[in-house]
């Protein structure tokens, strides 16, 4: 009896393995179709497709992780004025994630996002001015940007996450402003 169970198990194993492999192939094919569709849209200038591709390549979601492709698509969206993409590409330049690290380029992208009222970017600009990273050290400009962060008021449609980020950034800005 034990031998019969063992034989049946051994015969069933390749079938189960084949079914699992078929699932993986279907998932891979679905991801390839998604990436191909997004790439087509991204090439025509769709900011949403560009940022989605950047995220897919940055995280390695169903594709091989490729920070350089992520940076390429993020920068394409940033050049079209997408404030989140501007902040993200600034971070990528700051860390050298998919691009050669460049504090001046990072600062310029943070500045573009800050000018669109992105509170986290405003804070990063203040720090860059305060510390002279990617920009000439400028305490007056640092204070102005920190004050801009503190002047951001709650938005009625603000999510809990956005509120938590705003409050955290403002607490940091208040501390940094007091230290200048």
Protein backbone atom coordinates (compact mmCIF):
# COMPACT_ATOMS: atom_id res chain seq x y z
CA UNK A 1 0.00 0.00 0.00
CA UNK A 2 2.79 2.42 0.90
CA UNK A 3 4.49 1.67 -2.38
CA UNK A 4 1.27 2.44 -4.28
CA UNK A 5 0.92 5.82 -2.49
CA UNK A 6 4.55 6.61 -3.24
CA UNK A 7 4.11 5.73 -6.92
CA UNK A 8 0.94 7.86 -7.18
CA UNK A 9 2.72 10.76 -5.45
CA UNK A 10 5.67 10.53 -7.81
CA UNK A 11 3.36 10.42 -10.81
CA UNK A 12 1.37 13.42 -9.56
CA UNK A 13 4.45 15.55 -8.80
CA UNK A 14 5.28 16.36 -12.45
CA UNK A 15 1.64 17.32 -13.07
CA UNK A 16 1.63 19.69 -10.08
CA UNK A 17 5.00 21.12 -11.14
CA UNK A 18 3.72 21.62 -14.69
CA UNK A 19 0.59 23.40 -13.39
CA UNK A 20 2.72 25.72 -11.23
CA UNK A 21 5.01 26.46 -14.16
CA UNK A 22 2.01 27.25 -16.37
CA UNK A 23 0.72 29.72 -13.74
CA UNK A 24 4.11 31.44 -13.63
CA UNK A 25 4.23 31.67 -17.43
CA UNK A 26 0.71 33.16 -17.55
CA UNK A 27 1.65 35.70 -14.86
CA UNK A 28 4.89 36.56 -16.67
CA UNK A 29 3.03 36.96 -19.97
CA UNK A 30 0.45 39.22 -18.31
CA UNK A 31 3.22 41.39 -16.84
CA UNK A 32 4.98 41.54 -20.22
CA UNK A 33 1.75 42.67 -21.88
CA UNK A 34 1.23 45.31 -19.16
CA UNK A 35 4.78 46.63 -19.52
CA UNK A 36 4.49 46.65 -23.32
CA UNK A 37 1.20 48.57 -23.15
CA UNK A 38 2.55 51.06 -20.63
CA UNK A 39 5.72 51.53 -22.66
CA UNK A 40 3.68 52.41 -25.74
CA UNK A 41 1.66 54.95 -23.79
CA UNK A 42 4.74 56.30 -22.01
CA UNK A 43 6.49 56.89 -25.34
CA UNK A 44 3.53 59.02 -26.46
CA UNK A 45 3.91 61.19 -23.36
CA UNK A 46 1.49 59.68 -20.84
CA UNK A 47 2.76 60.86 -17.47
CA UNK A 48 0.73 58.20 -15.67
CA UNK A 49 2.26 55.43 -17.81
CA UNK A 50 5.74 56.89 -17.31
CA UNK A 51 5.41 56.96 -13.53
CA UNK A 52 3.88 53.48 -13.46
CA UNK A 53 6.75 52.09 -15.54
CA UNK A 54 9.25 53.85 -13.31
CA UNK A 55 7.66 52.23 -10.26
CA UNK A 56 7.56 48.79 -11.91
CA UNK A 57 11.26 48.95 -12.80
CA UNK A 58 12.29 50.50 -9.50
CA UNK A 59 10.50 47.85 -7.45
CA UNK A 60 11.08 44.94 -9.83
CA UNK A 61 7.34 44.23 -9.97
CA UNK A 62 7.12 41.29 -12.36
CA UNK A 63 10.26 42.40 -14.20
CA UNK A 64 13.93 42.40 -13.42
CA UNK A 65 14.64 45.39 -11.20
CA UNK A 66 16.19 48.10 -13.38
CA UNK A 67 16.92 51.41 -11.60
CA UNK A 68 18.28 52.98 -14.81
CA UNK A 69 14.99 52.37 -16.67
CA UNK A 70 13.11 53.57 -13.59
CA UNK A 71 15.12 56.79 -13.56
CA UNK A 72 14.61 57.29 -17.30
CA UNK A 73 10.81 57.07 -17.06
CA UNK A 74 10.68 59.07 -13.82
CA UNK A 75 12.67 61.88 -15.42
CA UNK A 76 10.40 61.85 -18.49
CA UNK A 77 7.38 62.40 -16.22
CA UNK A 78 9.26 65.02 -14.18
CA UNK A 79 10.11 66.98 -17.33
CA UNK A 80 6.37 67.20 -18.02
CA UNK A 81 5.84 68.87 -14.66
CA UNK A 82 4.59 65.94 -12.55
CA UNK A 83 5.43 67.10 -9.03
CA UNK A 84 5.68 63.60 -7.53
CA UNK A 85 8.00 62.53 -10.34
CA UNK A 86 10.09 65.66 -9.79
CA UNK A 87 10.49 64.82 -6.11
CA UNK A 88 11.24 61.15 -6.86
CA UNK A 89 13.86 61.87 -9.54
CA UNK A 90 15.48 64.35 -7.17
CA UNK A 91 15.74 61.59 -4.57
CA UNK A 92 17.18 59.24 -7.20
CA UNK A 93 19.84 61.79 -8.17
CA UNK A 94 20.58 62.39 -4.51
CA UNK A 95 21.15 58.67 -3.86
CA UNK A 96 22.59 57.75 -7.25
CA UNK A 97 19.74 55.30 -7.76
CA UNK A 98 19.67 54.45 -11.49
CA UNK A 99 21.62 57.62 -12.32
CA UNK A 100 25.00 59.01 -11.38
CA UNK A 101 24.62 60.76 -8.03
CA UNK A 102 24.51 64.51 -8.58
CA UNK A 103 23.54 66.86 -5.76
CA UNK A 104 23.15 69.86 -8.08
CA UNK A 105 20.68 68.02 -10.30
CA UNK A 106 18.89 66.69 -7.24
CA UNK A 107 18.60 70.23 -5.89
CA UNK A 108 17.19 71.54 -9.20
CA UNK A 109 14.48 68.85 -9.25
CA UNK A 110 13.63 69.49 -5.58
CA UNK A 111 13.35 73.18 -6.40
CA UNK A 112 10.94 72.52 -9.29
CA UNK A 113 8.73 70.40 -7.00
CA UNK A 114 9.00 72.96 -4.17
CA UNK A 115 7.84 75.71 -6.49
CA UNK A 116 4.71 73.61 -7.07
CA UNK A 117 4.06 73.69 -3.30
CA UNK A 118 5.27 70.15 -2.51
CA UNK A 119 5.95 70.40 1.22
CA UNK A 120 8.54 67.61 1.33
CA UNK A 121 10.40 69.20 -1.59
CA UNK A 122 10.26 72.60 0.12
CA UNK A 123 11.87 71.06 3.17
CA UNK A 124 14.57 69.36 1.07
CA UNK A 125 15.33 72.69 -0.67
CA UNK A 126 15.70 74.35 2.72
CA UNK A 127 18.15 71.64 3.84
CA UNK A 128 20.15 71.93 0.64
CA UNK A 129 20.46 75.69 1.12
CA UNK A 130 21.24 75.31 4.81
CA UNK A 131 23.95 72.72 4.24
CA UNK A 132 25.23 73.97 0.87
CA UNK A 133 24.45 70.67 -0.86
CA UNK A 134 23.90 71.13 -4.59
CA UNK A 135 23.43 74.84 -4.02
CA UNK A 136 25.45 77.67 -2.54
CA UNK A 137 24.98 77.74 1.22
CA UNK A 138 22.34 80.38 1.90
CA UNK A 139 20.90 80.70 5.41
CA UNK A 140 18.39 83.36 4.35
CA UNK A 141 16.97 81.14 1.60
CA UNK A 142 16.95 78.16 3.97
CA UNK A 143 14.90 80.16 6.49
CA UNK A 144 12.48 81.29 3.75
CA UNK A 145 11.87 77.72 2.59
CA UNK A 146 11.49 76.45 6.17
CA UNK A 147 8.97 79.21 6.79
CA UNK A 148 7.12 78.20 3.61
CA UNK A 149 6.87 74.67 5.02
CA UNK A 150 5.45 76.01 8.28
CA UNK A 151 2.92 78.15 6.39
CA UNK A 152 1.33 75.16 4.66
CA UNK A 153 -2.11 74.73 6.12
CA UNK A 154 -4.29 71.65 6.34
CA UNK A 155 -6.29 70.82 3.27
CA UNK A 156 -9.88 69.69 3.83
CA UNK A 157 -9.37 66.77 1.42
CA UNK A 158 -6.07 65.81 3.04
CA UNK A 159 -5.71 62.07 3.67
CA UNK A 160 -4.53 60.78 7.03
CA UNK A 161 -1.19 59.86 5.42
CA UNK A 162 -0.79 63.33 3.88
CA UNK A 163 -1.65 64.94 7.19
CA UNK A 164 0.90 62.80 9.03
CA UNK A 165 3.59 63.68 6.48
CA UNK A 166 2.73 67.40 6.64
CA UNK A 167 2.84 67.39 10.44
CA UNK A 168 6.12 65.47 10.54
CA UNK A 169 7.79 67.73 7.98
CA UNK A 170 6.52 70.84 9.76
CA UNK A 171 7.88 69.60 13.09
CA UNK A 172 11.29 69.07 11.49
CA UNK A 173 11.14 72.50 9.82
CA UNK A 174 10.24 74.20 13.09
CA UNK A 175 13.19 72.56 14.82
CA UNK A 176 15.58 73.42 11.97
CA UNK A 177 14.35 77.02 11.77
CA UNK A 178 14.93 77.48 15.49
CA UNK A 179 18.48 76.18 15.09
CA UNK A 180 19.35 78.69 12.31
